[in-house]
Amino acid sequence: MFIPPTWIEGALYYAAWIVIPLIIGIILFALFFIKGDNWSNKKQVAVFGAAIVFVALAVCGGLFLADWGWHYQYEVPSVQEKIITVDDWQPGFNKYWGEIGGADDLMLQTSDGELFGNHENLLFGKFNTRDILNQLKPNGTYKITYYGWREGYNSGVPEILSVDEVINETNCPAHHDISDYMNKRSIIYSDDSFTDDYR
């Protein structure tokens, strides 16, 4: 059974890839400049080269290696299937209706109150966020595959990978695509009862 990492485990994991190599690289650079005159040319080259290697490792760790390792160590083991009933799509964390520019700006809420993200993921080969949004219609029941877990410390939610099966779409809207959500802000603010409450 998959057990998600705690915040401390996640912080230590990224520190191991990024912070520790960076600190070692800075120390080696400092030694090169402080003691360089007292060392032979070979020792100077070795220390300077090692400093560059550790700083490069920190930068690569921050950009790719840490995410790559995290993906295979935690995200891949977290993949699960689930049957959900869609309540609706809503703006993602730190987004508002007027800022919806694409499918990945929206977050799915189920009838049970669970939240799912819908972002592209290079390592999973997922580049069909709009197709997934169009497939998962309000009031519909579906079997999905997802990865990840709820992370309260950084507002993270599980991410939908695929829609595997349509179970029930009896009460779903006839028309459902990204344009419904791109225009939703103007629909909301044209409702007088809504605007009266928030003037």
N, C-alpha and C. Protein backbone atom coordinates (compact mmCIF):
# COMPACT_ATOMS: atom_id res chain seq x y z
N MET A 1 0.85 -1.20 0.00
CA MET A 1 0.00 0.00 0.00
C MET A 1 0.88 1.25 0.00
N PHE A 2 0.51 2.21 -0.85
CA PHE A 2 1.29 3.44 -0.96
C PHE A 2 1.03 4.35 0.24
N ILE A 3 2.09 4.86 0.85
CA ILE A 3 1.99 5.82 1.95
C ILE A 3 2.62 7.13 1.48
N PRO A 4 1.85 8.20 1.35
CA PRO A 4 2.41 9.46 0.85
C PRO A 4 3.45 10.03 1.80
N PRO A 5 4.44 10.72 1.25
CA PRO A 5 5.47 11.31 2.12
C PRO A 5 4.93 12.48 2.92
N THR A 6 5.50 12.70 4.08
CA THR A 6 5.12 13.86 4.89
C THR A 6 5.84 15.10 4.36
N TRP A 7 5.46 16.25 4.88
CA TRP A 7 6.10 17.50 4.47
C TRP A 7 7.60 17.45 4.78
N ILE A 8 7.96 16.91 5.94
CA ILE A 8 9.38 16.85 6.33
C ILE A 8 10.15 15.94 5.38
N GLU A 9 9.57 14.79 5.01
CA GLU A 9 10.22 13.89 4.06
C GLU A 9 10.43 14.57 2.71
N GLY A 10 9.42 15.31 2.25
CA GLY A 10 9.54 16.01 0.99
C GLY A 10 10.62 17.08 1.03
N ALA A 11 10.67 17.83 2.13
CA ALA A 11 11.67 18.89 2.28
C ALA A 11 13.07 18.29 2.32
N LEU A 12 13.25 17.19 3.06
CA LEU A 12 14.56 16.54 3.13
C LEU A 12 14.97 15.96 1.78
N TYR A 13 14.00 15.43 1.04
CA TYR A 13 14.29 14.86 -0.27
C TYR A 13 14.86 15.93 -1.20
N TYR A 14 14.16 17.07 -1.29
CA TYR A 14 14.63 18.13 -2.19
C TYR A 14 15.91 18.78 -1.66
N ALA A 15 16.06 18.85 -0.34
CA ALA A 15 17.30 19.39 0.22
C ALA A 15 18.49 18.53 -0.17
N ALA A 16 18.28 17.21 -0.18
CA ALA A 16 19.37 16.31 -0.54
C ALA A 16 19.82 16.54 -1.98
N TRP A 17 18.88 16.86 -2.87
CA TRP A 17 19.21 17.07 -4.28
C TRP A 17 19.73 18.47 -4.58
N ILE A 18 19.24 19.46 -3.84
CA ILE A 18 19.51 20.86 -4.21
C ILE A 18 20.39 21.57 -3.20
N VAL A 19 19.97 21.63 -1.94
CA VAL A 19 20.63 22.47 -0.95
C VAL A 19 22.01 21.93 -0.59
N ILE A 20 22.11 20.64 -0.32
CA ILE A 20 23.39 20.06 0.12
C ILE A 20 24.48 20.21 -0.96
N PRO A 21 24.22 19.82 -2.24
CA PRO A 21 25.25 20.04 -3.26
C PRO A 21 25.63 21.51 -3.43
N LEU A 22 24.64 22.40 -3.28
CA LEU A 22 24.92 23.84 -3.42
C LEU A 22 25.84 24.32 -2.30
N ILE A 23 25.58 23.90 -1.09
CA ILE A 23 26.43 24.29 0.04
C ILE A 23 27.85 23.78 -0.14
N ILE A 24 27.97 22.51 -0.56
CA ILE A 24 29.31 21.94 -0.79
C ILE A 24 30.04 22.73 -1.88
N GLY A 25 29.33 23.05 -2.96
CA GLY A 25 29.94 23.82 -4.05
C GLY A 25 30.41 25.19 -3.60
N ILE A 26 29.61 25.88 -2.78
CA ILE A 26 29.99 27.21 -2.27
C ILE A 26 31.22 27.11 -1.36
N ILE A 27 31.24 26.08 -0.51
CA ILE A 27 32.41 25.88 0.38
C ILE A 27 33.67 25.65 -0.45
N LEU A 28 33.56 24.83 -1.50
CA LEU A 28 34.73 24.56 -2.35
C LEU A 28 35.19 25.82 -3.09
N PHE A 29 34.24 26.63 -3.56
CA PHE A 29 34.61 27.89 -4.20
C PHE A 29 35.34 28.80 -3.20
N ALA A 30 34.81 28.85 -1.97
CA ALA A 30 35.45 29.68 -0.94
C ALA A 30 36.86 29.20 -0.65
N LEU A 31 37.03 27.88 -0.55
CA LEU A 31 38.38 27.33 -0.31
C LEU A 31 39.32 27.66 -1.47
N PHE A 32 38.80 27.61 -2.69
CA PHE A 32 39.63 27.91 -3.86
C PHE A 32 40.15 29.35 -3.80
N PHE A 33 39.27 30.28 -3.42
CA PHE A 33 39.69 31.68 -3.40
C PHE A 33 40.52 32.03 -2.16
N ILE A 34 40.25 31.35 -1.04
CA ILE A 34 40.99 31.67 0.19
C ILE A 34 42.37 31.02 0.20
N LYS A 35 42.43 29.74 -0.16
CA LYS A 35 43.67 29.00 -0.04
C LYS A 35 44.34 28.71 -1.38
N GLY A 36 43.79 29.23 -2.45
CA GLY A 36 44.29 28.92 -3.78
C GLY A 36 45.76 29.21 -3.97
N ASP A 37 46.26 30.30 -3.39
CA ASP A 37 47.67 30.67 -3.58
C ASP A 37 48.62 29.68 -2.92
N ASN A 38 48.17 28.98 -1.89
CA ASN A 38 49.03 28.04 -1.16
C ASN A 38 49.00 26.63 -1.75
N TRP A 39 48.18 26.40 -2.78
CA TRP A 39 48.03 25.07 -3.35
C TRP A 39 48.75 24.96 -4.70
N SER A 40 49.05 23.74 -5.06
CA SER A 40 49.63 23.49 -6.39
C SER A 40 48.56 23.70 -7.45
N ASN A 41 48.99 23.83 -8.70
CA ASN A 41 48.04 24.03 -9.81
C ASN A 41 47.06 22.87 -9.92
N LYS A 42 47.55 21.63 -9.71
CA LYS A 42 46.67 20.47 -9.79
C LYS A 42 45.57 20.53 -8.73
N LYS A 43 45.95 20.93 -7.53
CA LYS A 43 44.98 20.99 -6.43
C LYS A 43 43.96 22.11 -6.70
N GLN A 44 44.44 23.24 -7.23
CA GLN A 44 43.54 24.35 -7.56
C GLN A 44 42.51 23.91 -8.60
N VAL A 45 42.99 23.24 -9.65
CA VAL A 45 42.09 22.78 -10.71
C VAL A 45 41.08 21.77 -10.16
N ALA A 46 41.55 20.86 -9.31
CA ALA A 46 40.67 19.83 -8.74
C ALA A 46 39.57 20.45 -7.88
N VAL A 47 39.95 21.41 -7.02
CA VAL A 47 38.96 22.04 -6.13
C VAL A 47 37.97 22.87 -6.94
N PHE A 48 38.49 23.65 -7.90
CA PHE A 48 37.61 24.48 -8.72
C PHE A 48 36.66 23.60 -9.55
N GLY A 49 37.19 22.52 -10.12
CA GLY A 49 36.35 21.60 -10.89
C GLY A 49 35.28 20.96 -10.04
N ALA A 50 35.66 20.52 -8.84
CA ALA A 50 34.68 19.91 -7.93
C ALA A 50 33.59 20.90 -7.54
N ALA A 51 33.98 22.17 -7.32
CA ALA A 51 32.99 23.21 -6.98
C ALA A 51 31.99 23.38 -8.10
N ILE A 52 32.48 23.42 -9.34
CA ILE A 52 31.58 23.55 -10.50
C ILE A 52 30.63 22.35 -10.60
N VAL A 53 31.17 21.15 -10.37
CA VAL A 53 30.34 19.93 -10.44
C VAL A 53 29.22 19.98 -9.41
N PHE A 54 29.52 20.37 -8.17
CA PHE A 54 28.48 20.39 -7.12
C PHE A 54 27.44 21.48 -7.37
N VAL A 55 27.87 22.64 -7.85
CA VAL A 55 26.90 23.69 -8.17
C VAL A 55 26.02 23.26 -9.35
N ALA A 56 26.63 22.65 -10.35
CA ALA A 56 25.86 22.16 -11.50
C ALA A 56 24.86 21.09 -11.06
N LEU A 57 25.29 20.20 -10.14
CA LEU A 57 24.39 19.18 -9.63
C LEU A 57 23.20 19.80 -8.91
N ALA A 58 23.44 20.87 -8.14
CA ALA A 58 22.36 21.56 -7.44
C ALA A 58 21.38 22.17 -8.43
N VAL A 59 21.93 22.81 -9.49
CA VAL A 59 21.06 23.45 -10.48
C VAL A 59 20.27 22.40 -11.24
N CYS A 60 20.94 21.33 -11.69
CA CYS A 60 20.24 20.26 -12.40
C CYS A 60 19.25 19.56 -11.48
N GLY A 61 19.64 19.40 -10.21
CA GLY A 61 18.72 18.81 -9.25
C GLY A 61 17.46 19.62 -9.10
N GLY A 62 17.63 20.95 -9.08
CA GLY A 62 16.47 21.82 -8.95
C GLY A 62 15.59 21.80 -10.18
N LEU A 63 16.20 21.70 -11.36
CA LEU A 63 15.44 21.78 -12.60
C LEU A 63 14.86 20.44 -13.05
N PHE A 64 15.59 19.36 -12.81
CA PHE A 64 15.14 18.10 -13.39
C PHE A 64 15.32 16.88 -12.49
N LEU A 65 16.53 16.66 -11.96
CA LEU A 65 16.81 15.40 -11.29
C LEU A 65 15.90 15.14 -10.08
N ALA A 66 15.65 16.18 -9.26
CA ALA A 66 14.79 15.99 -8.09
C ALA A 66 13.38 15.63 -8.52
N ASP A 67 12.85 16.33 -9.55
CA ASP A 67 11.50 16.02 -10.03
C ASP A 67 11.43 14.63 -10.64
N TRP A 68 12.46 14.26 -11.38
CA TRP A 68 12.51 12.94 -12.00
C TRP A 68 12.52 11.85 -10.92
N GLY A 69 13.36 12.03 -9.90
CA GLY A 69 13.41 11.06 -8.81
C GLY A 69 12.11 11.01 -8.04
N TRP A 70 11.54 12.18 -7.76
CA TRP A 70 10.26 12.26 -7.04
C TRP A 70 9.17 11.52 -7.82
N HIS A 71 9.16 11.70 -9.13
CA HIS A 71 8.15 11.06 -9.97
C HIS A 71 8.19 9.54 -9.81
N TYR A 72 9.39 8.95 -9.94
CA TYR A 72 9.49 7.49 -9.89
C TYR A 72 9.41 6.93 -8.47
N GLN A 73 9.80 7.73 -7.49
CA GLN A 73 9.78 7.24 -6.11
C GLN A 73 8.42 7.40 -5.45
N TYR A 74 7.68 8.46 -5.83
CA TYR A 74 6.42 8.74 -5.14
C TYR A 74 5.20 8.80 -6.06
N GLU A 75 5.32 9.50 -7.19
CA GLU A 75 4.13 9.66 -8.03
C GLU A 75 3.71 8.35 -8.70
N VAL A 76 4.66 7.63 -9.28
CA VAL A 76 4.31 6.37 -9.95
C VAL A 76 3.69 5.36 -8.98
N PRO A 77 4.25 5.16 -7.77
CA PRO A 77 3.60 4.23 -6.84
C PRO A 77 2.23 4.70 -6.36
N SER A 78 1.91 5.98 -6.53
CA SER A 78 0.64 6.50 -6.01
C SER A 78 -0.50 6.35 -7.00
N VAL A 79 -0.25 5.85 -8.21
CA VAL A 79 -1.30 5.74 -9.23
C VAL A 79 -2.39 4.78 -8.76
N GLN A 80 -3.65 5.24 -8.86
CA GLN A 80 -4.80 4.43 -8.44
C GLN A 80 -5.97 4.67 -9.38
N GLU A 81 -6.96 3.79 -9.29
CA GLU A 81 -8.21 3.96 -10.03
C GLU A 81 -9.33 4.26 -9.05
N LYS A 82 -10.35 4.95 -9.52
CA LYS A 82 -11.46 5.31 -8.63
C LYS A 82 -12.70 5.61 -9.46
N ILE A 83 -13.86 5.31 -8.91
CA ILE A 83 -15.13 5.70 -9.53
C ILE A 83 -15.59 6.99 -8.85
N ILE A 84 -15.84 8.02 -9.66
CA ILE A 84 -16.26 9.32 -9.12
C ILE A 84 -17.52 9.80 -9.83
N THR A 85 -18.28 10.63 -9.14
CA THR A 85 -19.38 11.36 -9.76
C THR A 85 -19.00 12.83 -9.73
N VAL A 86 -19.00 13.45 -10.89
CA VAL A 86 -18.56 14.85 -11.01
C VAL A 86 -19.63 15.79 -10.47
N ASP A 87 -19.23 16.69 -9.60
CA ASP A 87 -20.10 17.78 -9.18
C ASP A 87 -19.98 18.90 -10.21
N ASP A 88 -18.76 19.45 -10.36
CA ASP A 88 -18.52 20.48 -11.38
C ASP A 88 -17.02 20.77 -11.43
N TRP A 89 -16.65 21.55 -12.43
CA TRP A 89 -15.30 22.08 -12.52
C TRP A 89 -15.31 23.47 -11.91
N GLN A 90 -14.24 23.85 -11.25
CA GLN A 90 -14.14 25.16 -10.61
C GLN A 90 -12.72 25.70 -10.80
N PRO A 91 -12.51 26.99 -10.57
CA PRO A 91 -11.14 27.52 -10.71
C PRO A 91 -10.18 26.83 -9.77
N GLY A 92 -8.95 26.60 -10.23
CA GLY A 92 -7.92 26.00 -9.40
C GLY A 92 -7.52 26.95 -8.28
N PHE A 93 -6.71 26.46 -7.36
CA PHE A 93 -6.24 27.30 -6.26
C PHE A 93 -5.57 28.55 -6.81
N ASN A 94 -5.86 29.68 -6.18
CA ASN A 94 -5.30 30.98 -6.57
C ASN A 94 -5.74 31.43 -7.96
N LYS A 95 -6.88 30.92 -8.43
CA LYS A 95 -7.44 31.34 -9.71
C LYS A 95 -8.85 31.88 -9.49
N TYR A 96 -9.30 32.74 -10.40
CA TYR A 96 -10.65 33.27 -10.37
C TYR A 96 -11.27 33.04 -11.74
N TRP A 97 -12.60 33.13 -11.81
CA TRP A 97 -13.27 32.84 -13.08
C TRP A 97 -12.73 33.68 -14.22
N GLY A 98 -12.41 34.94 -13.97
CA GLY A 98 -11.92 35.80 -15.03
C GLY A 98 -10.53 35.45 -15.51
N GLU A 99 -9.84 34.54 -14.81
CA GLU A 99 -8.47 34.18 -15.16
C GLU A 99 -8.37 32.82 -15.85
N ILE A 100 -9.50 32.19 -16.14
CA ILE A 100 -9.47 30.87 -16.75
C ILE A 100 -9.02 30.99 -18.20
N GLY A 101 -7.82 30.48 -18.49
CA GLY A 101 -7.28 30.57 -19.84
C GLY A 101 -7.18 29.23 -20.53
N GLY A 102 -7.34 28.15 -19.77
CA GLY A 102 -7.24 26.82 -20.36
C GLY A 102 -7.73 25.77 -19.39
N ALA A 103 -7.77 24.52 -19.85
CA ALA A 103 -8.31 23.43 -19.04
C ALA A 103 -7.53 23.22 -17.76
N ASP A 104 -6.21 23.48 -17.78
CA ASP A 104 -5.41 23.23 -16.58
C ASP A 104 -5.58 24.31 -15.51
N ASP A 105 -6.37 25.35 -15.80
CA ASP A 105 -6.70 26.35 -14.77
C ASP A 105 -7.89 25.91 -13.93
N LEU A 106 -8.52 24.81 -14.32
CA LEU A 106 -9.71 24.32 -13.63
C LEU A 106 -9.39 23.09 -12.79
N MET A 107 -10.20 22.89 -11.76
CA MET A 107 -10.03 21.77 -10.85
C MET A 107 -11.39 21.08 -10.73
N LEU A 108 -11.38 19.75 -10.73
CA LEU A 108 -12.63 19.00 -10.66
C LEU A 108 -13.03 18.75 -9.21
N GLN A 109 -14.32 18.96 -8.92
CA GLN A 109 -14.85 18.62 -7.60
C GLN A 109 -15.87 17.51 -7.77
N THR A 110 -15.74 16.46 -6.96
CA THR A 110 -16.68 15.35 -7.04
C THR A 110 -17.87 15.59 -6.11
N SER A 111 -18.88 14.73 -6.26
CA SER A 111 -20.06 14.84 -5.39
C SER A 111 -19.72 14.53 -3.94
N ASP A 112 -18.58 13.86 -3.70
CA ASP A 112 -18.12 13.58 -2.34
C ASP A 112 -17.25 14.70 -1.77
N GLY A 113 -17.04 15.76 -2.55
CA GLY A 113 -16.23 16.88 -2.08
C GLY A 113 -14.74 16.74 -2.33
N GLU A 114 -14.33 15.68 -3.03
CA GLU A 114 -12.91 15.52 -3.36
C GLU A 114 -12.52 16.45 -4.49
N LEU A 115 -11.25 16.85 -4.52
CA LEU A 115 -10.74 17.72 -5.56
C LEU A 115 -9.67 17.00 -6.36
N PHE A 116 -9.67 17.23 -7.68
CA PHE A 116 -8.67 16.64 -8.56
C PHE A 116 -8.15 17.72 -9.50
N GLY A 117 -6.83 17.75 -9.69
CA GLY A 117 -6.24 18.63 -10.68
C GLY A 117 -6.23 17.98 -12.05
N ASN A 118 -5.91 18.77 -13.07
CA ASN A 118 -5.90 18.26 -14.44
C ASN A 118 -4.78 18.97 -15.20
N HIS A 119 -3.54 18.71 -14.77
CA HIS A 119 -2.39 19.36 -15.39
C HIS A 119 -1.63 18.38 -16.29
N GLU A 120 -0.95 18.94 -17.28
CA GLU A 120 -0.11 18.10 -18.13
C GLU A 120 1.11 17.63 -17.34
N ASN A 121 1.62 16.46 -17.71
CA ASN A 121 2.76 15.88 -17.01
C ASN A 121 3.66 15.18 -18.02
N LEU A 122 4.85 15.74 -18.23
CA LEU A 122 5.79 15.21 -19.21
C LEU A 122 6.19 13.77 -18.90
N LEU A 123 6.47 13.48 -17.63
CA LEU A 123 6.98 12.16 -17.27
C LEU A 123 5.92 11.07 -17.39
N PHE A 124 4.64 11.42 -17.20
CA PHE A 124 3.56 10.46 -17.43
C PHE A 124 3.11 10.47 -18.89
N GLY A 125 3.60 11.42 -19.68
CA GLY A 125 3.18 11.53 -21.08
C GLY A 125 1.74 11.99 -21.21
N LYS A 126 1.29 12.84 -20.28
CA LYS A 126 -0.10 13.33 -20.30
C LYS A 126 -0.14 14.74 -20.89
N PHE A 127 -0.79 14.87 -22.06
CA PHE A 127 -0.88 16.17 -22.73
C PHE A 127 -2.30 16.42 -23.24
N ASN A 128 -3.30 15.84 -22.56
CA ASN A 128 -4.68 15.91 -23.07
C ASN A 128 -5.63 16.51 -22.03
N THR A 129 -5.21 17.58 -21.36
CA THR A 129 -6.05 18.14 -20.30
C THR A 129 -7.42 18.59 -20.82
N ARG A 130 -7.44 19.17 -22.01
CA ARG A 130 -8.72 19.63 -22.55
C ARG A 130 -9.65 18.46 -22.86
N ASP A 131 -9.09 17.38 -23.39
CA ASP A 131 -9.92 16.20 -23.67
C ASP A 131 -10.52 15.65 -22.39
N ILE A 132 -9.74 15.62 -21.32
CA ILE A 132 -10.24 15.10 -20.04
C ILE A 132 -11.35 16.00 -19.51
N LEU A 133 -11.17 17.32 -19.61
CA LEU A 133 -12.23 18.23 -19.16
C LEU A 133 -13.51 17.99 -19.94
N ASN A 134 -13.40 17.81 -21.26
CA ASN A 134 -14.59 17.58 -22.08
C ASN A 134 -15.26 16.24 -21.76
N GLN A 135 -14.46 15.24 -21.35
CA GLN A 135 -15.01 13.92 -21.04
C GLN A 135 -15.75 13.90 -19.70
N LEU A 136 -15.23 14.61 -18.70
CA LEU A 136 -15.80 14.55 -17.35
C LEU A 136 -16.86 15.62 -17.17
N LYS A 137 -18.10 15.25 -17.43
CA LYS A 137 -19.21 16.20 -17.43
C LYS A 137 -19.87 16.27 -16.06
N PRO A 138 -20.38 17.44 -15.67
CA PRO A 138 -21.11 17.55 -14.40
C PRO A 138 -22.25 16.52 -14.34
N ASN A 139 -22.41 15.91 -13.18
CA ASN A 139 -23.42 14.88 -12.87
C ASN A 139 -23.08 13.51 -13.46
N GLY A 140 -22.01 13.40 -14.23
CA GLY A 140 -21.64 12.11 -14.79
C GLY A 140 -20.83 11.27 -13.81
N THR A 141 -20.90 9.95 -13.96
CA THR A 141 -20.13 9.03 -13.12
C THR A 141 -19.13 8.31 -14.01
N TYR A 142 -17.86 8.29 -13.56
CA TYR A 142 -16.78 7.78 -14.40
C TYR A 142 -15.78 6.98 -13.55
N LYS A 143 -15.07 6.10 -14.23
CA LYS A 143 -13.91 5.45 -13.62
C LYS A 143 -12.68 6.18 -14.15
N ILE A 144 -11.86 6.70 -13.22
CA ILE A 144 -10.68 7.45 -13.63
C ILE A 144 -9.42 6.80 -13.05
N THR A 145 -8.29 7.12 -13.66
CA THR A 145 -6.98 6.81 -13.10
C THR A 145 -6.35 8.13 -12.69
N TYR A 146 -5.76 8.16 -11.49
CA TYR A 146 -5.16 9.40 -11.00
C TYR A 146 -3.87 9.07 -10.25
N TYR A 147 -3.09 10.11 -10.00
CA TYR A 147 -1.88 9.94 -9.20
C TYR A 147 -1.80 11.08 -8.19
N GLY A 148 -0.98 10.91 -7.18
CA GLY A 148 -0.79 11.97 -6.19
C GLY A 148 -1.72 11.82 -5.01
N TRP A 149 -1.69 12.80 -4.14
CA TRP A 149 -2.42 12.76 -2.88
C TRP A 149 -2.67 14.18 -2.45
N ARG A 150 -3.57 14.34 -1.47
CA ARG A 150 -3.88 15.68 -0.96
C ARG A 150 -2.74 16.17 -0.09
N GLU A 151 -2.15 17.30 -0.46
CA GLU A 151 -1.05 17.89 0.29
C GLU A 151 -1.51 19.23 0.85
N GLY A 152 -1.90 19.23 2.09
CA GLY A 152 -2.43 20.45 2.69
C GLY A 152 -1.42 21.57 2.79
N TYR A 153 -0.13 21.22 2.92
CA TYR A 153 0.87 22.25 3.16
C TYR A 153 1.14 23.09 1.91
N ASN A 154 0.86 22.58 0.73
CA ASN A 154 1.07 23.40 -0.46
C ASN A 154 -0.14 23.38 -1.39
N SER A 155 -1.30 23.05 -0.84
CA SER A 155 -2.56 23.04 -1.59
C SER A 155 -2.52 22.08 -2.77
N GLY A 156 -1.75 21.00 -2.66
CA GLY A 156 -1.70 20.02 -3.74
C GLY A 156 -2.87 19.06 -3.68
N VAL A 157 -3.33 18.61 -4.85
CA VAL A 157 -4.42 17.64 -4.93
C VAL A 157 -4.02 16.53 -5.89
N PRO A 158 -4.68 15.37 -5.83
CA PRO A 158 -4.41 14.32 -6.82
C PRO A 158 -4.68 14.84 -8.23
N GLU A 159 -3.98 14.27 -9.21
CA GLU A 159 -4.08 14.70 -10.60
C GLU A 159 -4.67 13.58 -11.45
N ILE A 160 -5.66 13.92 -12.28
CA ILE A 160 -6.28 12.93 -13.16
C ILE A 160 -5.32 12.59 -14.29
N LEU A 161 -5.14 11.29 -14.52
CA LEU A 161 -4.32 10.82 -15.65
C LEU A 161 -5.17 10.46 -16.86
N SER A 162 -6.28 9.77 -16.61
CA SER A 162 -7.11 9.33 -17.73
C SER A 162 -8.52 9.03 -17.26
N VAL A 163 -9.45 9.06 -18.21
CA VAL A 163 -10.82 8.62 -17.98
C VAL A 163 -10.93 7.23 -18.61
N ASP A 164 -11.14 6.22 -17.77
CA ASP A 164 -11.07 4.83 -18.24
C ASP A 164 -12.42 4.28 -18.69
N GLU A 165 -13.50 4.77 -18.07
CA GLU A 165 -14.81 4.21 -18.39
C GLU A 165 -15.91 5.21 -18.06
N VAL A 166 -16.89 5.30 -18.95
CA VAL A 166 -18.09 6.08 -18.67
C VAL A 166 -19.10 5.15 -18.03
N ILE A 167 -19.54 5.47 -16.81
CA ILE A 167 -20.48 4.60 -16.10
C ILE A 167 -21.91 5.11 -16.24
N ASN A 168 -22.10 6.43 -16.12
CA ASN A 168 -23.45 7.00 -16.23
C ASN A 168 -23.36 8.47 -16.63
N GLU A 169 -24.02 8.83 -17.72
CA GLU A 169 -24.09 10.23 -18.15
C GLU A 169 -25.54 10.67 -18.37
N THR A 170 -26.48 10.04 -17.64
CA THR A 170 -27.90 10.29 -17.85
C THR A 170 -28.28 11.75 -17.64
N ASN A 171 -27.80 12.36 -16.57
CA ASN A 171 -28.22 13.73 -16.23
C ASN A 171 -27.17 14.78 -16.59
N CYS A 172 -26.30 14.47 -17.53
CA CYS A 172 -25.23 15.41 -17.90
C CYS A 172 -25.74 16.47 -18.87
N PRO A 173 -25.10 17.65 -18.88
CA PRO A 173 -25.49 18.69 -19.84
C PRO A 173 -25.20 18.24 -21.27
N ALA A 174 -26.05 18.71 -22.20
CA ALA A 174 -25.87 18.34 -23.61
C ALA A 174 -24.59 18.93 -24.17
N HIS A 175 -24.28 20.17 -23.75
CA HIS A 175 -23.07 20.84 -24.25
C HIS A 175 -22.11 21.02 -23.08
N HIS A 176 -20.86 20.60 -23.29
CA HIS A 176 -19.87 20.70 -22.20
C HIS A 176 -18.48 20.78 -22.81
N ASP A 177 -17.86 21.95 -22.72
CA ASP A 177 -16.46 22.07 -23.12
C ASP A 177 -15.85 23.28 -22.42
N ILE A 178 -14.63 23.59 -22.72
CA ILE A 178 -13.90 24.65 -22.02
C ILE A 178 -14.61 25.99 -22.16
N SER A 179 -15.32 26.22 -23.27
CA SER A 179 -15.98 27.52 -23.46
C SER A 179 -17.05 27.77 -22.40
N ASP A 180 -17.64 26.70 -21.85
CA ASP A 180 -18.62 26.88 -20.78
C ASP A 180 -17.98 27.58 -19.58
N TYR A 181 -16.72 27.29 -19.33
CA TYR A 181 -16.04 27.82 -18.15
C TYR A 181 -15.34 29.14 -18.45
N MET A 182 -14.96 29.33 -19.72
CA MET A 182 -14.36 30.61 -20.10
C MET A 182 -15.40 31.72 -19.99
N ASN A 183 -16.68 31.39 -20.24
CA ASN A 183 -17.74 32.39 -20.22
C ASN A 183 -18.48 32.45 -18.89
N LYS A 184 -18.10 31.61 -17.95
CA LYS A 184 -18.88 31.48 -16.72
C LYS A 184 -18.84 32.76 -15.88
N ARG A 185 -17.72 33.48 -15.92
CA ARG A 185 -17.61 34.70 -15.12
C ARG A 185 -18.67 35.71 -15.54
N SER A 186 -18.85 35.91 -16.85
CA SER A 186 -19.84 36.88 -17.32
C SER A 186 -21.25 36.43 -16.98
N ILE A 187 -21.48 35.10 -16.99
CA ILE A 187 -22.81 34.59 -16.62
C ILE A 187 -23.08 34.87 -15.14
N ILE A 188 -22.08 34.62 -14.29
CA ILE A 188 -22.25 34.84 -12.85
C ILE A 188 -22.54 36.30 -12.56
N TYR A 189 -21.78 37.20 -13.15
CA TYR A 189 -21.92 38.62 -12.82
C TYR A 189 -23.10 39.27 -13.50
N SER A 190 -23.75 38.58 -14.44
CA SER A 190 -24.96 39.12 -15.03
C SER A 190 -26.19 38.79 -14.20
N ASP A 191 -26.00 37.93 -13.20
CA ASP A 191 -27.09 37.54 -12.30
C ASP A 191 -27.24 38.62 -11.23
N ASP A 192 -28.36 39.34 -11.24
CA ASP A 192 -28.57 40.47 -10.32
C ASP A 192 -28.54 40.03 -8.86
N SER A 193 -29.09 38.84 -8.59
CA SER A 193 -29.12 38.41 -7.19
C SER A 193 -27.71 38.19 -6.66
N PHE A 194 -26.82 37.78 -7.55
CA PHE A 194 -25.43 37.58 -7.13
C PHE A 194 -24.75 38.94 -6.91
N THR A 195 -24.91 39.82 -7.87
CA THR A 195 -24.21 41.10 -7.77
C THR A 195 -24.74 41.95 -6.62
N ASP A 196 -26.04 41.83 -6.32
CA ASP A 196 -26.59 42.59 -5.18
C ASP A 196 -25.95 42.16 -3.88
N ASP A 197 -25.65 40.89 -3.75
CA ASP A 197 -25.04 40.39 -2.51
C ASP A 197 -23.61 40.84 -2.32
N TYR A 198 -22.94 41.20 -3.41
CA TYR A 198 -21.52 41.48 -3.31
C TYR A 198 -21.15 42.91 -3.68
N ARG A 199 -22.13 43.82 -3.70
CA ARG A 199 -21.84 45.22 -3.95
C ARG A 199 -21.35 45.90 -2.69
